[in-house]
Amino acid sequence: MTDLSLISWNINGFRSSIRTGFWDWFKKTDADIVCLQETKIDKAAFDAELGLFAPTEFHALNEAHKKGYSGVATFSKMAPLSTELGLGLPEYDTEGRLLFTHYKNFTLVNCYIPNGQRDLGRVPYKLEFSDALIKKCEKLRKTQPNLILCGDFNVAHQEVDIKNPKSNKNNSGFTQPERDWMTKFLGMGYIDTFRHFHPEAKDRYTWWSYRPGVREKNIGWRIDYFIVTKELLPKVKSAQIFENEMGSDHCPIGLVIKN
């Protein structure tokens, strides 16, 4: 039985990440599967870039209808059995936020959950989208209990997951309804792998504002996750945060599983 290494990273723009050394990082990381969020690129430009590099056996992009917005991409050294772009629901699929890859031993869901926005105007949509994702996962779980969800969930679940919980309690990404959704989700037999392996970890974040000095002072949020079903947990070996990796306002996170 071999180990599989997975990486997830909100790169905040595929083109900009390439200019800051993405392909060098990709080669150095040498992960079996890399999931990216907020790619902000259309398929034609994506395929043109990959034609110059040919990085892996398999790659797929789910692009938003709106140019230069959202989007997720998955690279894999092994070809999946099948792929799905989105939930199959038009009200949730125009922004290119979900990419399902079905392998023999597990299904991987690359996620970019909507942001609730500064005025909280999109929180209701975000919660509806997230509930639709749960329904999809529960349906998949009936035939494939081994699910891995990764990506930017745009919510810091607990106070330990954010530097300044009191001053952010009414801000998007840390409102009670958003946190309650994550509690509900995890309560259905899904495991936050980083917190499982590092239950006492503090000051471990995955996103920082671009404002000057914020990242240097580690004033961050942990909003990127690898979440697995409890059925898969015995095969999970480790979960990591690579906070020293630059190139985005997020940092990569990692998971190692027995395949």
Protein backbone atom coordinates (compact mmCIF):
# COMPACT_ATOMS: atom_id res chain seq x y z
CA MET A 1 0.00 0.00 0.00
CA THR A 2 1.47 3.32 -1.09
CA ASP A 3 1.06 6.80 0.34
CA LEU A 4 -0.62 9.59 -1.60
CA SER A 5 0.25 13.22 -1.02
CA LEU A 6 -2.36 15.88 -1.70
CA ILE A 7 -1.98 19.65 -1.71
CA SER A 8 -4.69 22.33 -1.78
CA TRP A 9 -4.01 26.02 -2.38
CA ASN A 10 -6.07 29.11 -3.11
CA ILE A 11 -3.63 30.77 -5.47
CA ASN A 12 -5.68 33.96 -6.04
CA GLY A 13 -5.13 33.95 -9.79
CA PHE A 14 -3.39 31.34 -11.93
CA ARG A 15 -1.57 33.83 -14.13
CA SER A 16 -0.28 35.87 -11.20
CA SER A 17 0.89 32.71 -9.42
CA ILE A 18 2.85 31.67 -12.50
CA ARG A 19 4.64 35.03 -12.47
CA THR A 20 5.69 34.41 -8.86
CA GLY A 21 7.09 30.92 -9.48
CA PHE A 22 4.13 28.55 -9.37
CA TRP A 23 5.65 25.95 -11.68
CA ASP A 24 8.88 25.88 -9.68
CA TRP A 25 6.81 25.27 -6.55
CA PHE A 26 4.73 22.64 -8.34
CA LYS A 27 7.81 20.71 -9.42
CA LYS A 28 9.44 20.97 -6.00
CA THR A 29 6.29 19.86 -4.19
CA ASP A 30 5.91 16.77 -6.37
CA ALA A 31 2.50 15.96 -4.88
CA ASP A 32 0.33 13.21 -6.33
CA ILE A 33 -2.70 15.52 -6.48
CA VAL A 34 -2.78 19.33 -6.39
CA CYS A 35 -6.07 21.21 -6.03
CA LEU A 36 -6.20 24.94 -6.74
CA GLN A 37 -8.90 27.48 -5.99
CA GLU A 38 -9.59 30.98 -7.30
CA THR A 39 -7.84 30.23 -10.57
CA LYS A 40 -9.48 33.20 -12.38
CA ILE A 41 -8.68 31.76 -15.81
CA ASP A 42 -10.71 30.39 -18.73
CA LYS A 43 -10.14 26.98 -20.26
CA ALA A 44 -8.46 28.22 -23.44
CA ALA A 45 -5.82 30.19 -21.53
CA PHE A 46 -5.47 27.36 -19.00
CA ASP A 47 -4.87 24.75 -21.70
CA ALA A 48 -2.39 27.02 -23.47
CA GLU A 49 -0.36 27.44 -20.31
CA LEU A 50 -0.41 23.72 -19.59
CA GLY A 51 0.62 22.95 -23.14
CA LEU A 52 3.93 24.60 -22.36
CA PHE A 53 4.40 22.58 -19.18
CA ALA A 54 2.41 19.29 -19.39
CA PRO A 55 2.54 18.88 -15.60
CA THR A 56 0.67 15.66 -14.84
CA GLU A 57 -1.22 12.67 -16.20
CA PHE A 58 -4.55 14.41 -15.61
CA HIS A 59 -5.81 17.95 -15.16
CA ALA A 60 -9.22 19.56 -15.13
CA LEU A 61 -10.61 23.07 -14.71
CA ASN A 62 -14.03 24.27 -13.65
CA GLU A 63 -14.26 27.88 -14.79
CA ALA A 64 -16.72 30.56 -13.82
CA HIS A 65 -19.00 32.06 -16.45
CA LYS A 66 -17.77 35.49 -15.35
CA LYS A 67 -14.34 36.18 -16.83
CA GLY A 68 -11.44 36.46 -14.35
CA TYR A 69 -13.49 35.21 -11.41
CA SER A 70 -13.44 32.22 -9.10
CA GLY A 71 -12.67 28.78 -10.62
CA VAL A 72 -10.98 25.59 -9.41
CA ALA A 73 -8.45 23.23 -10.99
CA THR A 74 -7.19 19.77 -10.11
CA PHE A 75 -3.90 18.16 -11.23
CA SER A 76 -3.32 14.47 -10.66
CA LYS A 77 -0.54 12.01 -11.42
CA MET A 78 -3.20 9.32 -11.84
CA ALA A 79 -6.27 9.66 -14.00
CA PRO A 80 -9.57 9.47 -12.12
CA LEU A 81 -12.34 7.11 -13.16
CA SER A 82 -14.60 10.11 -13.84
CA THR A 83 -15.06 13.80 -13.10
CA GLU A 84 -17.98 16.10 -12.37
CA LEU A 85 -18.03 19.88 -12.69
CA GLY A 86 -20.27 21.36 -10.03
CA LEU A 87 -23.45 20.07 -8.45
CA GLY A 88 -25.57 19.84 -11.56
CA LEU A 89 -27.67 22.72 -10.23
CA PRO A 90 -27.61 25.90 -12.36
CA GLU A 91 -28.16 28.21 -9.40
CA TYR A 92 -24.85 27.05 -7.89
CA ASP A 93 -22.72 26.06 -10.87
CA THR A 94 -22.11 29.30 -12.78
CA GLU A 95 -19.14 30.33 -10.63
CA GLY A 96 -16.98 27.22 -11.15
CA ARG A 97 -16.59 26.42 -7.46
CA LEU A 98 -16.61 22.62 -7.30
CA LEU A 99 -14.72 19.86 -9.08
CA PHE A 100 -15.31 16.19 -8.23
CA THR A 101 -12.75 13.55 -9.20
CA HIS A 102 -13.75 9.94 -8.60
CA TYR A 103 -10.95 7.45 -8.00
CA LYS A 104 -11.15 3.73 -7.22
CA ASN A 105 -10.58 4.15 -3.48
CA PHE A 106 -11.97 7.64 -2.82
CA THR A 107 -13.71 10.67 -4.25
CA LEU A 108 -12.00 14.06 -4.05
CA VAL A 109 -13.98 17.31 -3.97
CA ASN A 110 -12.07 20.49 -4.80
CA CYS A 111 -14.05 23.32 -3.16
CA TYR A 112 -14.12 27.09 -3.30
CA ILE A 113 -17.03 28.04 -1.05
CA PRO A 114 -18.53 31.51 -1.68
CA ASN A 115 -17.45 34.48 0.42
CA GLY A 116 -20.25 36.05 2.47
CA GLN A 117 -18.99 39.53 1.48
CA ARG A 118 -18.18 42.47 3.70
CA ASP A 119 -21.84 43.52 4.03
CA LEU A 120 -22.85 39.87 4.70
CA GLY A 121 -25.13 40.09 1.70
CA ARG A 122 -24.00 36.74 0.29
CA VAL A 123 -24.09 34.76 3.54
CA PRO A 124 -27.58 33.31 2.78
CA TYR A 125 -26.43 32.19 -0.69
CA LYS A 126 -23.23 30.78 0.81
CA LEU A 127 -25.19 28.70 3.33
CA GLU A 128 -27.60 27.46 0.65
CA PHE A 129 -24.66 26.51 -1.59
CA SER A 130 -22.96 24.74 1.32
CA ASP A 131 -26.11 22.80 2.22
CA ALA A 132 -26.42 21.69 -1.41
CA LEU A 133 -22.82 20.47 -1.21
CA ILE A 134 -23.66 18.43 1.92
CA LYS A 135 -26.60 16.80 0.13
CA LYS A 136 -24.35 15.89 -2.79
CA CYS A 137 -21.69 14.44 -0.49
CA GLU A 138 -24.22 12.41 1.48
CA LYS A 139 -25.54 10.96 -1.79
CA LEU A 140 -22.02 10.07 -2.93
CA ARG A 141 -21.25 8.58 0.46
CA LYS A 142 -23.87 5.85 -0.05
CA THR A 143 -21.75 4.24 -2.76
CA GLN A 144 -18.30 5.69 -1.94
CA PRO A 145 -17.88 6.30 1.78
CA ASN A 146 -14.30 7.57 1.36
CA LEU A 147 -14.65 11.27 0.59
CA ILE A 148 -12.00 14.00 0.74
CA LEU A 149 -13.07 17.65 0.54
CA CYS A 150 -10.39 20.28 0.25
CA GLY A 151 -10.07 23.95 -0.44
CA ASP A 152 -11.10 27.39 0.70
CA PHE A 153 -14.25 27.13 2.82
CA ASN A 154 -14.22 30.84 3.69
CA VAL A 155 -15.01 30.21 7.35
CA ALA A 156 -12.87 30.04 10.48
CA HIS A 157 -14.66 27.42 12.52
CA GLN A 158 -13.49 28.06 16.08
CA GLU A 159 -11.94 30.96 17.97
CA VAL A 160 -8.57 29.18 17.85
CA ASP A 161 -8.78 29.39 14.05
CA ILE A 162 -8.59 33.18 13.93
CA LYS A 163 -6.20 35.68 15.47
CA ASN A 164 -8.78 38.19 16.68
CA PRO A 165 -12.07 36.36 17.30
CA LYS A 166 -13.80 39.06 19.35
CA SER A 167 -13.31 41.86 16.85
CA ASN A 168 -14.33 39.61 13.93
CA LYS A 169 -17.47 38.00 15.37
CA ASN A 170 -19.73 39.99 13.03
CA ASN A 171 -17.47 39.77 10.00
CA SER A 172 -17.97 37.50 6.99
CA GLY A 173 -16.21 34.20 7.53
CA PHE A 174 -16.71 34.25 11.29
CA THR A 175 -20.39 34.98 11.78
CA GLN A 176 -22.30 32.53 13.95
CA PRO A 177 -24.43 31.14 11.10
CA GLU A 178 -21.31 30.32 9.06
CA ARG A 179 -19.59 28.72 12.02
CA ASP A 180 -22.75 26.82 12.90
CA TRP A 181 -22.85 25.41 9.38
CA MET A 182 -19.33 24.04 9.78
CA THR A 183 -20.27 22.55 13.16
CA LYS A 184 -23.29 20.88 11.55
CA PHE A 185 -21.20 19.54 8.68
CA LEU A 186 -18.49 18.09 10.90
CA GLY A 187 -21.18 16.63 13.15
CA MET A 188 -22.39 14.46 10.27
CA GLY A 189 -19.24 12.34 10.36
CA TYR A 190 -16.76 14.59 8.55
CA ILE A 191 -13.35 15.25 10.08
CA ASP A 192 -11.29 18.46 10.04
CA THR A 193 -7.99 16.65 9.55
CA PHE A 194 -5.66 19.42 10.68
CA ARG A 195 -7.53 19.86 13.95
CA HIS A 196 -7.68 16.07 14.36
CA PHE A 197 -3.89 15.74 14.17
CA HIS A 198 -3.10 19.05 15.88
CA PRO A 199 -5.86 19.54 18.49
CA GLU A 200 -3.85 22.01 20.60
CA ALA A 201 -2.30 23.99 17.74
CA LYS A 202 -2.62 27.77 18.00
CA ASP A 203 -1.63 30.58 15.65
CA ARG A 204 -1.78 28.25 12.63
CA TYR A 205 -3.48 30.06 9.78
CA THR A 206 -3.97 29.72 6.02
CA TRP A 207 -5.07 33.24 4.98
CA TRP A 208 -3.84 36.75 5.77
CA SER A 209 -4.96 40.15 4.53
CA TYR A 210 -2.66 41.86 2.03
CA ARG A 211 -2.54 44.90 4.30
CA PRO A 212 1.06 45.81 5.24
CA GLY A 213 2.49 43.88 8.18
CA VAL A 214 -0.49 41.54 8.63
CA ARG A 215 1.21 38.36 7.47
CA GLU A 216 4.48 39.28 9.14
CA LYS A 217 2.60 39.59 12.45
CA ASN A 218 0.66 36.39 11.70
CA ILE A 219 -2.73 38.07 12.02
CA GLY A 220 -4.51 35.32 10.13
CA TRP A 221 -7.46 33.01 9.69
CA ARG A 222 -7.57 29.24 9.13
CA ILE A 223 -10.19 28.97 6.40
CA ASP A 224 -8.65 26.29 4.14
CA TYR A 225 -9.30 22.66 5.04
CA PHE A 226 -8.81 19.03 4.19
CA ILE A 227 -11.97 17.34 5.44
CA VAL A 228 -12.52 13.58 5.22
CA THR A 229 -15.35 11.23 6.06
CA LYS A 230 -14.88 9.27 9.27
CA GLU A 231 -14.74 6.10 7.16
CA LEU A 232 -11.53 7.32 5.50
CA LEU A 233 -9.87 8.65 8.66
CA PRO A 234 -7.98 5.42 9.49
CA LYS A 235 -6.08 5.83 6.21
CA VAL A 236 -5.09 9.46 6.87
CA LYS A 237 -1.47 9.70 8.00
CA SER A 238 -0.93 13.45 8.41
CA ALA A 239 -2.31 16.93 7.75
CA GLN A 240 -0.14 20.02 7.35
CA ILE A 241 -0.20 23.77 6.84
CA PHE A 242 2.66 25.26 4.81
CA GLU A 243 2.41 28.81 6.11
CA ASN A 244 5.87 29.81 4.92
CA GLU A 245 5.00 29.24 1.27
CA MET A 246 4.42 32.60 -0.40
CA GLY A 247 2.77 33.56 -3.68
CA SER A 248 -0.82 34.20 -2.55
CA ASP A 249 -2.76 35.64 0.36
CA HIS A 250 -3.41 31.98 1.23
CA CYS A 251 -0.82 29.29 1.87
CA PRO A 252 -0.94 25.65 0.74
CA ILE A 253 -2.23 22.88 2.98
CA GLY A 254 -1.40 19.18 2.72
CA LEU A 255 -2.73 15.71 3.41
CA VAL A 256 -1.06 12.30 3.24
CA ILE A 257 -3.17 9.17 3.00
CA LYS A 258 -2.61 5.45 2.46
CA ASN A 259 -4.04 4.53 -0.91
